[in-house]
Amino acid sequence: MLQTSRGPFQCRVLDLSADGAKLSSVAVLTIGQAVTLVISGKGTLRGAVVREANGVLEVSFAAAPAAPLVPA
């Protein structure tokens, strides 16, 4: 689940690292938009959109002011 200021969106994680994630989603978000990736049973990661094209979002956790993994 991807939480945004426009509400939650379903997403599929295509790639995940300590620095960011590549997500497949119907959400159309703007570069720099703050998001929170919620991984069921794992926790949440705060970040910002750094790229968006053709239904694929790239999120940088380093782009967020505070990006720790928060236990669910």
PDB file of N, CA and C in Angstrom:
ATOM      1  N   MET A   1       0.855  -1.167   0.000  1.00  0.00           N
ATOM      2  CA  MET A   1       0.000   0.000   0.000  1.00  0.00           C
ATOM      3  C   MET A   1       0.907   1.239   0.000  1.00  0.00           C
ATOM      4  N   LEU A   2       0.520   2.190  -0.808  1.00  0.00           N
ATOM      5  CA  LEU A   2       1.266   3.441  -0.886  1.00  0.00           C
ATOM      6  C   LEU A   2       0.371   4.549  -0.350  1.00  0.00           C
ATOM      7  N   GLN A   3       0.747   5.157   0.753  1.00  0.00           N
ATOM      8  CA  GLN A   3      -0.032   6.240   1.334  1.00  0.00           C
ATOM      9  C   GLN A   3       0.514   7.566   0.825  1.00  0.00           C
ATOM     10  N   THR A   4      -0.409   8.420   0.375  1.00  0.00           N
ATOM     11  CA  THR A   4      -0.034   9.733  -0.158  1.00  0.00           C
ATOM     12  C   THR A   4      -0.982  10.783   0.403  1.00  0.00           C
ATOM     13  N   SER A   5      -0.709  12.039   0.096  1.00  0.00           N
ATOM     14  CA  SER A   5      -1.603  13.115   0.522  1.00  0.00           C
ATOM     15  C   SER A   5      -2.943  13.032  -0.207  1.00  0.00           C
ATOM     16  N   ARG A   6      -2.997  12.293  -1.312  1.00  0.00           N
ATOM     17  CA  ARG A   6      -4.232  12.105  -2.071  1.00  0.00           C
ATOM     18  C   ARG A   6      -4.960  10.828  -1.663  1.00  0.00           C
ATOM     19  N   GLY A   7      -4.469  10.141  -0.648  1.00  0.00           N
ATOM     20  CA  GLY A   7      -5.091   8.912  -0.181  1.00  0.00           C
ATOM     21  C   GLY A   7      -4.214   7.706  -0.451  1.00  0.00           C
ATOM     22  N   PRO A   8      -4.700   6.524  -0.073  1.00  0.00           N
ATOM     23  CA  PRO A   8      -3.921   5.296  -0.276  1.00  0.00           C
ATOM     24  C   PRO A   8      -4.108   4.730  -1.682  1.00  0.00           C
ATOM     25  N   PHE A   9      -3.074   4.073  -2.193  1.00  0.00           N
ATOM     26  CA  PHE A   9      -3.119   3.405  -3.493  1.00  0.00           C
ATOM     27  C   PHE A   9      -2.509   2.020  -3.350  1.00  0.00           C
ATOM     28  N   GLN A  10      -3.106   1.053  -4.012  1.00  0.00           N
ATOM     29  CA  GLN A  10      -2.506  -0.273  -4.076  1.00  0.00           C
ATOM     30  C   GLN A  10      -1.262  -0.190  -4.960  1.00  0.00           C
ATOM     31  N   CYS A  11      -0.265  -0.962  -4.638  1.00  0.00           N
ATOM     32  CA  CYS A  11       0.941  -0.993  -5.462  1.00  0.00           C
ATOM     33  C   CYS A  11       1.574  -2.368  -5.358  1.00  0.00           C
ATOM     34  N   ARG A  12       2.460  -2.646  -6.282  1.00  0.00           N
ATOM     35  CA  ARG A  12       3.242  -3.888  -6.251  1.00  0.00           C
ATOM     36  C   ARG A  12       4.707  -3.493  -6.229  1.00  0.00           C
ATOM     37  N   VAL A  13       5.453  -4.049  -5.311  1.00  0.00           N
ATOM     38  CA  VAL A  13       6.880  -3.756  -5.204  1.00  0.00           C
ATOM     39  C   VAL A  13       7.615  -4.560  -6.274  1.00  0.00           C
ATOM     40  N   LEU A  14       8.286  -3.841  -7.173  1.00  0.00           N
ATOM     41  CA  LEU A  14       9.071  -4.480  -8.225  1.00  0.00           C
ATOM     42  C   LEU A  14      10.519  -4.665  -7.799  1.00  0.00           C
ATOM     43  N   ASP A  15      11.009  -3.731  -6.976  1.00  0.00           N
ATOM     44  CA  ASP A  15      12.392  -3.777  -6.496  1.00  0.00           C
ATOM     45  C   ASP A  15      12.444  -2.985  -5.195  1.00  0.00           C
ATOM     46  N   LEU A  16      13.224  -3.463  -4.241  1.00  0.00           N
ATOM     47  CA  LEU A  16      13.327  -2.806  -2.945  1.00  0.00           C
ATOM     48  C   LEU A  16      14.763  -2.866  -2.462  1.00  0.00           C
ATOM     49  N   SER A  17      15.281  -1.721  -2.020  1.00  0.00           N
ATOM     50  CA  SER A  17      16.615  -1.658  -1.439  1.00  0.00           C
ATOM     51  C   SER A  17      16.565  -0.733  -0.230  1.00  0.00           C
ATOM     52  N   ALA A  18      17.684  -0.577   0.437  1.00  0.00           N
ATOM     53  CA  ALA A  18      17.745   0.318   1.594  1.00  0.00           C
ATOM     54  C   ALA A  18      17.530   1.776   1.193  1.00  0.00           C
ATOM     55  N   ASP A  19      17.836   2.104  -0.071  1.00  0.00           N
ATOM     56  CA  ASP A  19      17.746   3.487  -0.536  1.00  0.00           C
ATOM     57  C   ASP A  19      16.429   3.842  -1.204  1.00  0.00           C
ATOM     58  N   GLY A  20      15.671   2.844  -1.677  1.00  0.00           N
ATOM     59  CA  GLY A  20      14.448   3.171  -2.381  1.00  0.00           C
ATOM     60  C   GLY A  20      13.712   1.955  -2.899  1.00  0.00           C
ATOM     61  N   ALA A  21      12.684   2.233  -3.700  1.00  0.00           N
ATOM     62  CA  ALA A  21      11.852   1.160  -4.237  1.00  0.00           C
ATOM     63  C   ALA A  21      11.345   1.531  -5.621  1.00  0.00           C
ATOM     64  N   LYS A  22      11.109   0.499  -6.421  1.00  0.00           N
ATOM     65  CA  LYS A  22      10.440   0.660  -7.709  1.00  0.00           C
ATOM     66  C   LYS A  22       9.095  -0.023  -7.547  1.00  0.00           C
ATOM     67  N   LEU A  23       8.022   0.724  -7.862  1.00  0.00           N
ATOM     68  CA  LEU A  23       6.673   0.243  -7.616  1.00  0.00           C
ATOM     69  C   LEU A  23       5.825   0.311  -8.870  1.00  0.00           C
ATOM     70  N   SER A  24       4.946  -0.643  -9.023  1.00  0.00           N
ATOM     71  CA  SER A  24       3.934  -0.613 -10.073  1.00  0.00           C
ATOM     72  C   SER A  24       2.643  -0.163  -9.408  1.00  0.00           C
ATOM     73  N   SER A  25       2.021   0.909  -9.954  1.00  0.00           N
ATOM     74  CA  SER A  25       0.808   1.443  -9.340  1.00  0.00           C
ATOM     75  C   SER A  25       0.026   2.266 -10.352  1.00  0.00           C
ATOM     76  N   VAL A  26      -1.277   2.357 -10.138  1.00  0.00           N
ATOM     77  CA  VAL A  26      -2.101   3.222 -10.976  1.00  0.00           C
ATOM     78  C   VAL A  26      -2.017   4.671 -10.518  1.00  0.00           C
ATOM     79  N   ALA A  27      -1.398   4.909  -9.377  1.00  0.00           N
ATOM     80  CA  ALA A  27      -1.263   6.270  -8.856  1.00  0.00           C
ATOM     81  C   ALA A  27      -0.403   7.112  -9.798  1.00  0.00           C
ATOM     82  N   VAL A  28      -0.883   8.301 -10.100  1.00  0.00           N
ATOM     83  CA  VAL A  28      -0.085   9.254 -10.879  1.00  0.00           C
ATOM     84  C   VAL A  28       0.328  10.341  -9.894  1.00  0.00           C
ATOM     85  N   LEU A  29       1.600  10.340  -9.537  1.00  0.00           N
ATOM     86  CA  LEU A  29       2.107  11.254  -8.519  1.00  0.00           C
ATOM     87  C   LEU A  29       3.152  12.175  -9.130  1.00  0.00           C
ATOM     88  N   THR A  30       3.434  13.257  -8.440  1.00  0.00           N
ATOM     89  CA  THR A  30       4.408  14.223  -8.938  1.00  0.00           C
ATOM     90  C   THR A  30       5.778  13.965  -8.336  1.00  0.00           C
ATOM     91  N   ILE A  31       6.800  14.334  -9.081  1.00  0.00           N
ATOM     92  CA  ILE A  31       8.174  14.224  -8.596  1.00  0.00           C
ATOM     93  C   ILE A  31       8.304  15.065  -7.326  1.00  0.00           C
ATOM     94  N   GLY A  32       8.900  14.475  -6.310  1.00  0.00           N
ATOM     95  CA  GLY A  32       9.086  15.169  -5.040  1.00  0.00           C
ATOM     96  C   GLY A  32       7.965  14.936  -4.047  1.00  0.00           C
ATOM     97  N   GLN A  33       6.860  14.328  -4.493  1.00  0.00           N
ATOM     98  CA  GLN A  33       5.732  14.095  -3.594  1.00  0.00           C
ATOM     99  C   GLN A  33       6.113  13.095  -2.509  1.00  0.00           C
ATOM    100  N   ALA A  34       5.792  13.431  -1.277  1.00  0.00           N
ATOM    101  CA  ALA A  34       6.058  12.556  -0.134  1.00  0.00           C
ATOM    102  C   ALA A  34       5.098  11.373  -0.159  1.00  0.00           C
ATOM    103  N   VAL A  35       5.622  10.196   0.130  1.00  0.00           N
ATOM    104  CA  VAL A  35       4.825   8.973   0.172  1.00  0.00           C
ATOM    105  C   VAL A  35       5.300   8.111   1.337  1.00  0.00           C
ATOM    106  N   THR A  36       4.442   7.196   1.739  1.00  0.00           N
ATOM    107  CA  THR A  36       4.800   6.196   2.735  1.00  0.00           C
ATOM    108  C   THR A  36       4.448   4.834   2.163  1.00  0.00           C
ATOM    109  N   LEU A  37       5.438   3.977   2.054  1.00  0.00           N
ATOM    110  CA  LEU A  37       5.233   2.619   1.579  1.00  0.00           C
ATOM    111  C   LEU A  37       4.956   1.739   2.792  1.00  0.00           C
ATOM    112  N   VAL A  38       3.801   1.096   2.790  1.00  0.00           N
ATOM    113  CA  VAL A  38       3.409   0.211   3.894  1.00  0.00           C
ATOM    114  C   VAL A  38       3.568  -1.223   3.410  1.00  0.00           C
ATOM    115  N   ILE A  39       4.443  -1.956   4.066  1.00  0.00           N
ATOM    116  CA  ILE A  39       4.689  -3.357   3.713  1.00  0.00           C
ATOM    117  C   ILE A  39       4.076  -4.210   4.827  1.00  0.00           C
ATOM    118  N   SER A  40       3.006  -4.901   4.486  1.00  0.00           N
ATOM    119  CA  SER A  40       2.250  -5.684   5.456  1.00  0.00           C
ATOM    120  C   SER A  40       3.156  -6.634   6.242  1.00  0.00           C
ATOM    121  N   GLY A  41       3.058  -6.534   7.548  1.00  0.00           N
ATOM    122  CA  GLY A  41       3.832  -7.407   8.417  1.00  0.00           C
ATOM    123  C   GLY A  41       5.278  -6.999   8.606  1.00  0.00           C
ATOM    124  N   LYS A  42       5.729  -5.979   7.882  1.00  0.00           N
ATOM    125  CA  LYS A  42       7.130  -5.553   7.957  1.00  0.00           C
ATOM    126  C   LYS A  42       7.295  -4.153   8.532  1.00  0.00           C
ATOM    127  N   GLY A  43       6.438  -3.212   8.126  1.00  0.00           N
ATOM    128  CA  GLY A  43       6.540  -1.850   8.614  1.00  0.00           C
ATOM    129  C   GLY A  43       6.299  -0.832   7.514  1.00  0.00           C
ATOM    130  N   THR A  44       6.759   0.387   7.747  1.00  0.00           N
ATOM    131  CA  THR A  44       6.557   1.470   6.794  1.00  0.00           C
ATOM    132  C   THR A  44       7.886   2.146   6.468  1.00  0.00           C
ATOM    133  N   LEU A  45       7.949   2.678   5.258  1.00  0.00           N
ATOM    134  CA  LEU A  45       9.124   3.414   4.807  1.00  0.00           C
ATOM    135  C   LEU A  45       8.658   4.732   4.220  1.00  0.00           C
ATOM    136  N   ARG A  46       9.233   5.835   4.692  1.00  0.00           N
ATOM    137  CA  ARG A  46       8.873   7.154   4.172  1.00  0.00           C
ATOM    138  C   ARG A  46       9.869   7.559   3.100  1.00  0.00           C
ATOM    139  N   GLY A  47       9.344   8.178   2.062  1.00  0.00           N
ATOM    140  CA  GLY A  47      10.213   8.610   0.974  1.00  0.00           C
ATOM    141  C   GLY A  47       9.547   9.648   0.109  1.00  0.00           C
ATOM    142  N   ALA A  48      10.122   9.853  -1.063  1.00  0.00           N
ATOM    143  CA  ALA A  48       9.590  10.818  -2.021  1.00  0.00           C
ATOM    144  C   ALA A  48       9.741  10.241  -3.424  1.00  0.00           C
ATOM    145  N   VAL A  49       8.786  10.577  -4.279  1.00  0.00           N
ATOM    146  CA  VAL A  49       8.812  10.117  -5.664  1.00  0.00           C
ATOM    147  C   VAL A  49       9.961  10.824  -6.397  1.00  0.00           C
ATOM    148  N   VAL A  50      10.803  10.048  -7.063  1.00  0.00           N
ATOM    149  CA  VAL A  50      11.910  10.634  -7.834  1.00  0.00           C
ATOM    150  C   VAL A  50      11.742  10.405  -9.338  1.00  0.00           C
ATOM    151  N   ARG A  51      10.845   9.474  -9.702  1.00  0.00           N
ATOM    152  CA  ARG A  51      10.588   9.211 -11.124  1.00  0.00           C
ATOM    153  C   ARG A  51       9.215   8.573 -11.251  1.00  0.00           C
ATOM    154  N   GLU A  52       8.500   8.923 -12.336  1.00  0.00           N
ATOM    155  CA  GLU A  52       7.185   8.338 -12.594  1.00  0.00           C
ATOM    156  C   GLU A  52       7.004   8.237 -14.094  1.00  0.00           C
ATOM    157  N   ALA A  53       6.715   7.040 -14.585  1.00  0.00           N
ATOM    158  CA  ALA A  53       6.480   6.842 -16.015  1.00  0.00           C
ATOM    159  C   ALA A  53       5.755   5.532 -16.259  1.00  0.00           C
ATOM    160  N   ASN A  54       4.710   5.589 -17.066  1.00  0.00           N
ATOM    161  CA  ASN A  54       4.006   4.378 -17.522  1.00  0.00           C
ATOM    162  C   ASN A  54       3.587   3.442 -16.392  1.00  0.00           C
ATOM    163  N   GLY A  55       3.066   3.997 -15.300  1.00  0.00           N
ATOM    164  CA  GLY A  55       2.591   3.164 -14.208  1.00  0.00           C
ATOM    165  C   GLY A  55       3.662   2.643 -13.275  1.00  0.00           C
ATOM    166  N   VAL A  56       4.899   3.131 -13.452  1.00  0.00           N
ATOM    167  CA  VAL A  56       5.994   2.722 -12.573  1.00  0.00           C
ATOM    168  C   VAL A  56       6.502   3.941 -11.815  1.00  0.00           C
ATOM    169  N   LEU A  57       6.551   3.814 -10.503  1.00  0.00           N
ATOM    170  CA  LEU A  57       7.051   4.878  -9.632  1.00  0.00           C
ATOM    171  C   LEU A  57       8.384   4.452  -9.043  1.00  0.00           C
ATOM    172  N   GLU A  58       9.298   5.395  -8.947  1.00  0.00           N
ATOM    173  CA  GLU A  58      10.530   5.144  -8.202  1.00  0.00           C
ATOM    174  C   GLU A  58      10.536   6.093  -7.013  1.00  0.00           C
ATOM    175  N   VAL A  59      10.753   5.519  -5.849  1.00  0.00           N
ATOM    176  CA  VAL A  59      10.717   6.252  -4.590  1.00  0.00           C
ATOM    177  C   VAL A  59      12.087   6.179  -3.940  1.00  0.00           C
ATOM    178  N   SER A  60      12.585   7.324  -3.508  1.00  0.00           N
ATOM    179  CA  SER A  60      13.851   7.375  -2.779  1.00  0.00           C
ATOM    180  C   SER A  60      13.553   7.570  -1.306  1.00  0.00           C
ATOM    181  N   PHE A  61      14.066   6.670  -0.495  1.00  0.00           N
ATOM    182  CA  PHE A  61      13.894   6.830   0.943  1.00  0.00           C
ATOM    183  C   PHE A  61      14.832   7.911   1.464  1.00  0.00           C
ATOM    184  N   ALA A  62      15.967   8.116   0.815  1.00  0.00           N
ATOM    185  CA  ALA A  62      16.918   9.153   1.221  1.00  0.00           C
ATOM    186  C   ALA A  62      16.359  10.541   0.965  1.00  0.00           C
ATOM    187  N   ALA A  63      15.371  10.669   0.063  1.00  0.00           N
ATOM    188  CA  ALA A  63      14.796  11.975  -0.266  1.00  0.00           C
ATOM    189  C   ALA A  63      13.853  12.479   0.818  1.00  0.00           C
ATOM    190  N   ALA A  64      13.466  11.603   1.730  1.00  0.00           N
ATOM    191  CA  ALA A  64      12.567  11.981   2.808  1.00  0.00           C
ATOM    192  C   ALA A  64      13.375  12.499   3.996  1.00  0.00           C
ATOM    193  N   PRO A  65      12.813  13.431   4.769  1.00  0.00           N
ATOM    194  CA  PRO A  65      13.526  13.954   5.933  1.00  0.00           C
ATOM    195  C   PRO A  65      13.881  12.863   6.946  1.00  0.00           C
ATOM    196  N   ALA A  66      12.966  11.920   7.159  1.00  0.00           N
ATOM    197  CA  ALA A  66      13.227  10.825   8.089  1.00  0.00           C
ATOM    198  C   ALA A  66      12.688   9.561   7.449  1.00  0.00           C
ATOM    199  N   ALA A  67      13.576   8.604   7.200  1.00  0.00           N
ATOM    200  CA  ALA A  67      13.146   7.426   6.445  1.00  0.00           C
ATOM    201  C   ALA A  67      13.425   6.093   7.129  1.00  0.00           C
ATOM    202  N   PRO A  68      13.255   6.019   8.436  1.00  0.00           N
ATOM    203  CA  PRO A  68      13.533   4.734   9.077  1.00  0.00           C
ATOM    204  C   PRO A  68      12.407   3.737   8.854  1.00  0.00           C
ATOM    205  N   LEU A  69      12.718   2.462   8.974  1.00  0.00           N
ATOM    206  CA  LEU A  69      11.710   1.420   8.933  1.00  0.00           C
ATOM    207  C   LEU A  69      10.994   1.454  10.280  1.00  0.00           C
ATOM    208  N   VAL A  70       9.706   1.672  10.237  1.00  0.00           N
ATOM    209  CA  VAL A  70       8.901   1.751  11.447  1.00  0.00           C
ATOM    210  C   VAL A  70       8.136   0.447  11.594  1.00  0.00           C
ATOM    211  N   PRO A  71       8.340  -0.302  12.667  1.00  0.00           N
ATOM    212  CA  PRO A  71       7.654  -1.586  12.828  1.00  0.00           C
ATOM    213  C   PRO A  71       6.144  -1.437  12.739  1.00  0.00           C
ATOM    214  N   ALA A  72       5.503  -2.423  12.114  1.00  0.00           N
ATOM    215  CA  ALA A  72       4.038  -2.391  11.945  1.00  0.00           C
ATOM    216  C   ALA A  72       3.348  -2.732  13.255  1.00  0.00           C
TER     217      ALA A  72
END
